[in-house]
Amino acid sequence: MIDIPEISKTYRDGLYYYDKDWLVLDNPEEYINEVMKCIAYCKPDMYFNHLYRFIIRYDFEEISNSIPNKGRLEELYIEAALKILKERCFIMLSEDETNYSLEWRIPHINYSKYIEGYKDTILNYVNYKLELYPIIGLKETDNAYLHTKSAMFVQHVMFASFLIAFNRIRDEKDSSSYLGAEIVPLGNRHVLNIYLTPSGMINLLSIQKLNKDEMLANFNSFIHEIGLNRINDKDRLTALNTAVILEKEGKTYYHFKPPLYDYANNFIMEKLQRPHISSIKIETQASYEQQT
């Protein structure tokens, strides 16, 4: 099996804390910070996290009632991710031919196409952020949509996003909890991600049968277990334009919905506008930005 880089992070009090230098690329620190900022902006790690759930649904739940063990699911996940990275992002993590052990059917082809929405959003991000141009090697007169430097930046964002999702899946493989959490430094900000673990994605049909109050009770129980406090102060919620504020160790994280006009891509906008509980159930994760 291919050796996928392990992200440096520490597990403490129920959360994974990423090291400051978790992303290793053969690029200057300034460039790496911009890759991290772009991940925070459009969250393509969510795409790769959801891929695990996609495999469970379309390769097993809709074909039979038998779901393989997590080791086998991880193998299929890696195969599918490498195939998508190679065919859609032109990223080769292995010299060997990437073959998917199960049939690559219409749903798989369509899911692989969805990554184009993230790629388009990253290119929009580059195009409209002129201060980024010299950092990634563009001149002000260059066409950001067509330049090879932009394409390389997209590849780095996608590679780093895959690493986040895969390391999550690998680290949580033996967890019986349906939810997991991590705090990730992404450029000039920290992001708290709460996500479905492999156990959560295997049992998602049961989770989706819960009503709103039951799902909220499970969420509140989880955040209590890992030492996150939910803040219900109306003034603070209004000031941050959010429905959810979480605190831990004196730091505040809030569920941020970007303005509707902030993304040229409706595909991404729909995903990032979901309420946080819906985002966990549908997209398999929700993100909460640290208040600065």
Protein backbone atom coordinates (compact mmCIF):
# COMPACT_ATOMS: atom_id res chain seq x y z
CA MET A 1 0.00 0.00 0.00
CA ILE A 2 1.17 3.52 -0.78
CA ASP A 3 2.84 5.39 2.09
CA ILE A 4 0.69 8.49 2.64
CA PRO A 5 2.34 11.19 4.79
CA GLU A 6 1.27 11.33 8.41
CA ILE A 7 0.23 14.72 9.73
CA SER A 8 1.97 15.80 12.93
CA LYS A 9 -0.65 16.37 15.61
CA THR A 10 -1.32 15.65 19.26
CA TYR A 11 -4.36 13.97 20.81
CA ARG A 12 -5.47 15.60 24.04
CA ASP A 13 -8.78 15.72 25.91
CA GLY A 14 -10.72 14.22 23.03
CA LEU A 15 -9.38 16.52 20.30
CA TYR A 16 -6.58 16.35 17.79
CA TYR A 17 -4.38 19.46 17.81
CA TYR A 18 -2.43 19.93 14.60
CA ASP A 19 1.14 21.14 14.91
CA LYS A 20 1.83 24.58 13.47
CA ASP A 21 3.99 23.08 10.71
CA TRP A 22 1.68 20.15 9.92
CA LEU A 23 1.79 20.73 6.16
CA VAL A 24 5.14 19.88 4.59
CA LEU A 25 5.68 21.12 1.03
CA ASP A 26 8.79 21.99 -0.92
CA ASN A 27 7.74 25.65 -0.93
CA PRO A 28 8.38 28.78 1.17
CA GLU A 29 6.44 29.24 4.40
CA GLU A 30 4.51 32.14 2.88
CA TYR A 31 3.27 29.90 0.08
CA ILE A 32 2.28 27.11 2.48
CA ASN A 33 0.31 29.63 4.57
CA GLU A 34 -1.65 30.62 1.48
CA VAL A 35 -2.47 26.99 0.76
CA MET A 36 -3.81 26.70 4.32
CA LYS A 37 -5.86 29.90 3.97
CA CYS A 38 -7.44 28.57 0.80
CA ILE A 39 -8.43 25.35 2.56
CA ALA A 40 -10.14 27.43 5.25
CA TYR A 41 -11.90 29.39 2.49
CA CYS A 42 -13.47 26.57 0.45
CA LYS A 43 -12.96 23.45 2.63
CA PRO A 44 -12.11 20.76 0.05
CA ASP A 45 -11.15 18.48 2.96
CA MET A 46 -14.92 18.06 3.31
CA TYR A 47 -15.04 16.48 -0.17
CA PHE A 48 -12.40 13.90 0.71
CA ASN A 49 -13.95 13.19 4.12
CA HIS A 50 -17.35 12.56 2.51
CA LEU A 51 -15.76 10.18 -0.01
CA TYR A 52 -15.55 7.54 2.75
CA ARG A 53 -19.30 7.83 3.32
CA PHE A 54 -19.91 7.74 -0.44
CA ILE A 55 -18.15 4.37 -0.70
CA ILE A 56 -20.22 2.92 2.15
CA ARG A 57 -23.45 4.04 0.50
CA TYR A 58 -22.87 3.26 -3.17
CA ASP A 59 -20.62 0.22 -2.94
CA PHE A 60 -22.40 -1.53 -0.06
CA GLU A 61 -25.62 -0.09 1.43
CA GLU A 62 -27.39 0.21 -1.92
CA ILE A 63 -26.13 -3.18 -3.13
CA SER A 64 -26.28 -5.35 -0.01
CA ASN A 65 -26.66 -5.08 3.74
CA SER A 66 -23.07 -6.18 4.28
CA ILE A 67 -20.51 -3.46 5.07
CA PRO A 68 -16.88 -4.64 5.27
CA ASN A 69 -14.58 -3.94 8.19
CA LYS A 70 -12.91 -0.56 8.53
CA GLY A 71 -9.61 -1.87 7.25
CA ARG A 72 -11.19 -2.85 3.94
CA LEU A 73 -13.13 0.42 3.76
CA GLU A 74 -9.88 2.32 4.25
CA GLU A 75 -8.26 0.39 1.39
CA LEU A 76 -11.17 1.22 -0.92
CA TYR A 77 -11.10 4.84 0.23
CA ILE A 78 -7.41 5.16 -0.65
CA GLU A 79 -7.98 3.55 -4.05
CA ALA A 80 -10.86 5.91 -4.85
CA ALA A 81 -9.05 9.01 -3.58
CA LEU A 82 -5.90 8.21 -5.56
CA LYS A 83 -7.98 7.62 -8.69
CA ILE A 84 -9.74 10.99 -8.29
CA LEU A 85 -6.50 12.83 -7.49
CA LYS A 86 -4.84 11.34 -10.56
CA GLU A 87 -7.68 11.72 -13.06
CA ARG A 88 -9.17 15.02 -11.88
CA CYS A 89 -6.23 16.84 -10.26
CA PHE A 90 -3.29 15.25 -12.13
CA ILE A 91 -1.67 14.35 -8.82
CA MET A 92 0.30 11.11 -8.85
CA LEU A 93 1.02 9.75 -5.38
CA SER A 94 2.10 6.40 -6.77
CA GLU A 95 3.86 5.23 -9.92
CA ASP A 96 1.57 2.21 -10.00
CA GLU A 97 -1.67 2.21 -11.95
CA THR A 98 -4.57 3.16 -9.67
CA ASN A 99 -7.40 0.65 -10.00
CA TYR A 100 -10.59 0.61 -7.97
CA SER A 101 -11.34 -2.88 -6.67
CA LEU A 102 -15.09 -2.43 -7.11
CA GLU A 103 -16.96 -1.29 -10.20
CA TRP A 104 -16.48 2.40 -11.00
CA ARG A 105 -20.09 3.17 -11.90
CA ILE A 106 -22.08 6.29 -12.84
CA PRO A 107 -22.36 7.51 -9.19
CA HIS A 108 -18.57 7.21 -8.83
CA ILE A 109 -17.95 9.11 -12.05
CA ASN A 110 -20.36 11.84 -10.98
CA TYR A 111 -18.78 12.12 -7.53
CA SER A 112 -15.34 12.46 -9.09
CA LYS A 113 -16.72 15.30 -11.23
CA TYR A 114 -17.90 17.20 -8.15
CA ILE A 115 -14.29 18.02 -7.34
CA GLU A 116 -14.34 20.41 -10.30
CA GLY A 117 -16.51 22.74 -8.21
CA TYR A 118 -13.74 23.02 -5.63
CA LYS A 119 -11.08 23.50 -8.31
CA ASP A 120 -13.12 26.30 -9.89
CA THR A 121 -13.56 27.96 -6.51
CA ILE A 122 -9.81 27.81 -5.82
CA LEU A 123 -9.10 29.41 -9.20
CA ASN A 124 -11.64 32.14 -8.43
CA TYR A 125 -9.91 32.65 -5.10
CA VAL A 126 -6.54 33.06 -6.84
CA ASN A 127 -7.92 35.31 -9.57
CA TYR A 128 -9.49 37.82 -7.21
CA LYS A 129 -6.70 37.88 -4.63
CA LEU A 130 -4.02 39.98 -6.31
CA GLU A 131 -1.78 39.96 -3.24
CA LEU A 132 -1.47 36.20 -3.76
CA TYR A 133 0.00 36.56 -7.27
CA PRO A 134 3.67 37.17 -6.39
CA ILE A 135 3.56 34.51 -3.67
CA ILE A 136 2.59 31.75 -6.09
CA GLY A 137 4.65 33.14 -8.98
CA LEU A 138 2.09 35.07 -11.03
CA LYS A 139 2.49 38.48 -12.60
CA GLU A 140 -0.35 40.99 -12.39
CA THR A 141 -0.95 40.67 -16.12
CA ASP A 142 -1.20 36.86 -16.04
CA ASN A 143 -4.48 35.02 -16.55
CA ALA A 144 -4.86 33.20 -13.25
CA TYR A 145 -7.39 30.76 -14.67
CA LEU A 146 -5.01 29.45 -17.32
CA HIS A 147 -1.57 29.74 -15.75
CA THR A 148 0.42 26.66 -14.73
CA LYS A 149 1.31 28.31 -11.40
CA SER A 150 -2.39 28.50 -10.54
CA ALA A 151 -2.84 24.87 -11.52
CA MET A 152 0.02 23.91 -9.22
CA PHE A 153 -1.55 25.89 -6.37
CA VAL A 154 -4.82 24.01 -6.92
CA GLN A 155 -2.90 20.73 -6.73
CA HIS A 156 -1.26 21.70 -3.44
CA VAL A 157 -4.61 22.69 -1.92
CA MET A 158 -6.18 19.41 -3.02
CA PHE A 159 -3.25 17.32 -1.82
CA ALA A 160 -3.28 18.99 1.62
CA SER A 161 -7.06 18.60 1.86
CA PHE A 162 -6.79 14.88 1.10
CA LEU A 163 -4.11 14.55 3.79
CA ILE A 164 -6.42 16.13 6.38
CA ALA A 165 -9.31 13.82 5.54
CA PHE A 166 -7.24 10.65 5.24
CA ASN A 167 -5.34 11.23 8.49
CA ARG A 168 -8.68 11.78 10.22
CA ILE A 169 -10.02 8.48 8.90
CA ARG A 170 -6.84 6.63 9.82
CA ASP A 171 -6.61 8.15 13.31
CA GLU A 172 -10.29 7.53 14.12
CA LYS A 173 -10.47 4.00 12.71
CA ASP A 174 -10.59 2.34 16.12
CA SER A 175 -12.87 4.92 17.72
CA SER A 176 -16.39 3.83 18.65
CA SER A 177 -17.53 7.45 18.88
CA TYR A 178 -19.63 8.71 15.97
CA LEU A 179 -18.06 12.17 16.17
CA GLY A 180 -14.49 13.44 16.24
CA ALA A 181 -12.88 16.85 16.53
CA GLU A 182 -9.66 18.61 15.57
CA ILE A 183 -8.16 22.09 15.74
CA VAL A 184 -6.19 22.98 12.63
CA PRO A 185 -3.99 26.06 12.08
CA LEU A 186 -4.83 27.29 8.59
CA GLY A 187 -2.66 30.26 7.74
CA ASN A 188 -3.65 33.18 9.92
CA ARG A 189 -6.53 31.40 11.65
CA HIS A 190 -7.39 28.26 13.60
CA VAL A 191 -10.37 26.16 12.64
CA LEU A 192 -12.25 23.68 14.81
CA ASN A 193 -13.63 20.82 12.71
CA ILE A 194 -16.25 18.44 14.07
CA TYR A 195 -16.74 15.47 11.79
CA LEU A 196 -18.22 12.01 11.44
CA THR A 197 -15.70 9.28 12.27
CA PRO A 198 -15.63 6.00 10.32
CA SER A 199 -18.04 4.59 12.93
CA GLY A 200 -20.31 7.59 12.43
CA MET A 201 -20.29 7.22 8.65
CA ILE A 202 -20.98 3.48 8.87
CA ASN A 203 -23.97 4.24 11.12
CA LEU A 204 -25.13 7.39 9.35
CA LEU A 205 -28.52 5.93 8.36
CA SER A 206 -29.29 5.48 12.05
CA ILE A 207 -28.04 8.99 12.83
CA GLN A 208 -30.24 10.48 10.10
CA LYS A 209 -33.32 8.90 11.69
CA LEU A 210 -32.80 11.01 14.81
CA ASN A 211 -35.04 14.04 15.11
CA LYS A 212 -33.61 17.51 15.56
CA ASP A 213 -33.74 17.43 19.37
CA GLU A 214 -32.11 13.98 19.55
CA MET A 215 -29.32 14.99 17.18
CA LEU A 216 -28.73 18.19 19.13
CA ALA A 217 -28.60 16.25 22.41
CA ASN A 218 -25.96 13.91 20.96
CA PHE A 219 -23.95 16.86 19.68
CA ASN A 220 -24.12 18.64 23.05
CA SER A 221 -23.09 15.45 24.84
CA PHE A 222 -20.07 15.08 22.55
CA ILE A 223 -18.83 18.64 22.94
CA HIS A 224 -19.27 18.36 26.72
CA GLU A 225 -17.13 15.21 26.73
CA ILE A 226 -14.26 16.96 24.96
CA GLY A 227 -14.45 20.10 27.09
CA LEU A 228 -16.15 22.47 24.68
CA ASN A 229 -18.66 24.87 26.19
CA ARG A 230 -21.58 26.13 24.12
CA ILE A 231 -22.28 29.84 24.60
CA ASN A 232 -25.90 30.96 24.36
CA ASP A 233 -25.38 34.69 24.94
CA LYS A 234 -27.67 36.36 22.37
CA ASP A 235 -25.56 39.50 22.12
CA ARG A 236 -22.41 37.52 21.31
CA LEU A 237 -24.26 35.34 18.82
CA THR A 238 -25.60 38.44 17.10
CA ALA A 239 -22.21 40.16 17.09
CA LEU A 240 -20.61 37.17 15.34
CA ASN A 241 -23.64 36.61 13.08
CA THR A 242 -23.78 32.96 14.05
CA ALA A 243 -26.07 30.39 15.64
CA VAL A 244 -23.27 28.52 17.38
CA ILE A 245 -20.41 29.64 19.63
CA LEU A 246 -18.12 27.10 21.27
CA GLU A 247 -15.35 27.84 23.77
CA LYS A 248 -12.39 25.88 25.05
CA GLU A 249 -9.43 27.03 27.12
CA GLY A 250 -10.39 30.68 26.70
CA LYS A 251 -10.62 30.48 22.90
CA THR A 252 -13.85 31.09 20.99
CA TYR A 253 -14.94 29.21 17.87
CA TYR A 254 -18.07 30.03 15.90
CA HIS A 255 -19.87 28.51 12.95
CA PHE A 256 -19.28 30.92 10.11
CA LYS A 257 -21.49 31.15 7.04
CA PRO A 258 -19.82 33.26 4.35
CA PRO A 259 -21.85 35.96 2.58
CA LEU A 260 -23.80 34.66 -0.40
CA TYR A 261 -21.86 36.89 -2.79
CA ASP A 262 -18.49 35.68 -1.56
CA TYR A 263 -18.29 32.65 -3.83
CA ALA A 264 -18.80 32.57 -7.59
CA ASN A 265 -19.61 28.86 -7.34
CA ASN A 266 -23.13 27.95 -6.20
CA PHE A 267 -22.07 24.34 -5.65
CA ILE A 268 -19.68 25.37 -2.88
CA MET A 269 -21.99 28.07 -1.57
CA GLU A 270 -24.77 25.55 -0.93
CA LYS A 271 -22.44 23.36 1.12
CA LEU A 272 -21.00 26.17 3.22
CA GLN A 273 -24.41 27.71 3.96
CA ARG A 274 -25.78 24.63 5.72
CA PRO A 275 -26.58 24.87 9.46
CA HIS A 276 -23.82 23.12 11.39
CA ILE A 277 -25.81 20.02 12.42
CA SER A 278 -27.04 19.55 8.84
CA SER A 279 -23.49 19.99 7.61
CA ILE A 280 -22.29 17.15 9.86
CA LYS A 281 -25.13 14.85 8.74
CA ILE A 282 -24.96 15.68 5.02
CA GLU A 283 -21.37 16.79 4.34
CA THR A 284 -19.86 14.71 7.20
CA GLN A 285 -18.26 17.73 8.89
CA ALA A 286 -18.80 21.25 10.14
CA SER A 287 -16.20 23.97 10.69
CA TYR A 288 -15.99 26.64 13.37
CA GLU A 289 -13.56 29.53 13.01
CA GLN A 290 -11.58 30.89 15.93
CA GLN A 291 -12.50 34.43 16.85
CA THR A 292 -9.48 36.70 16.48
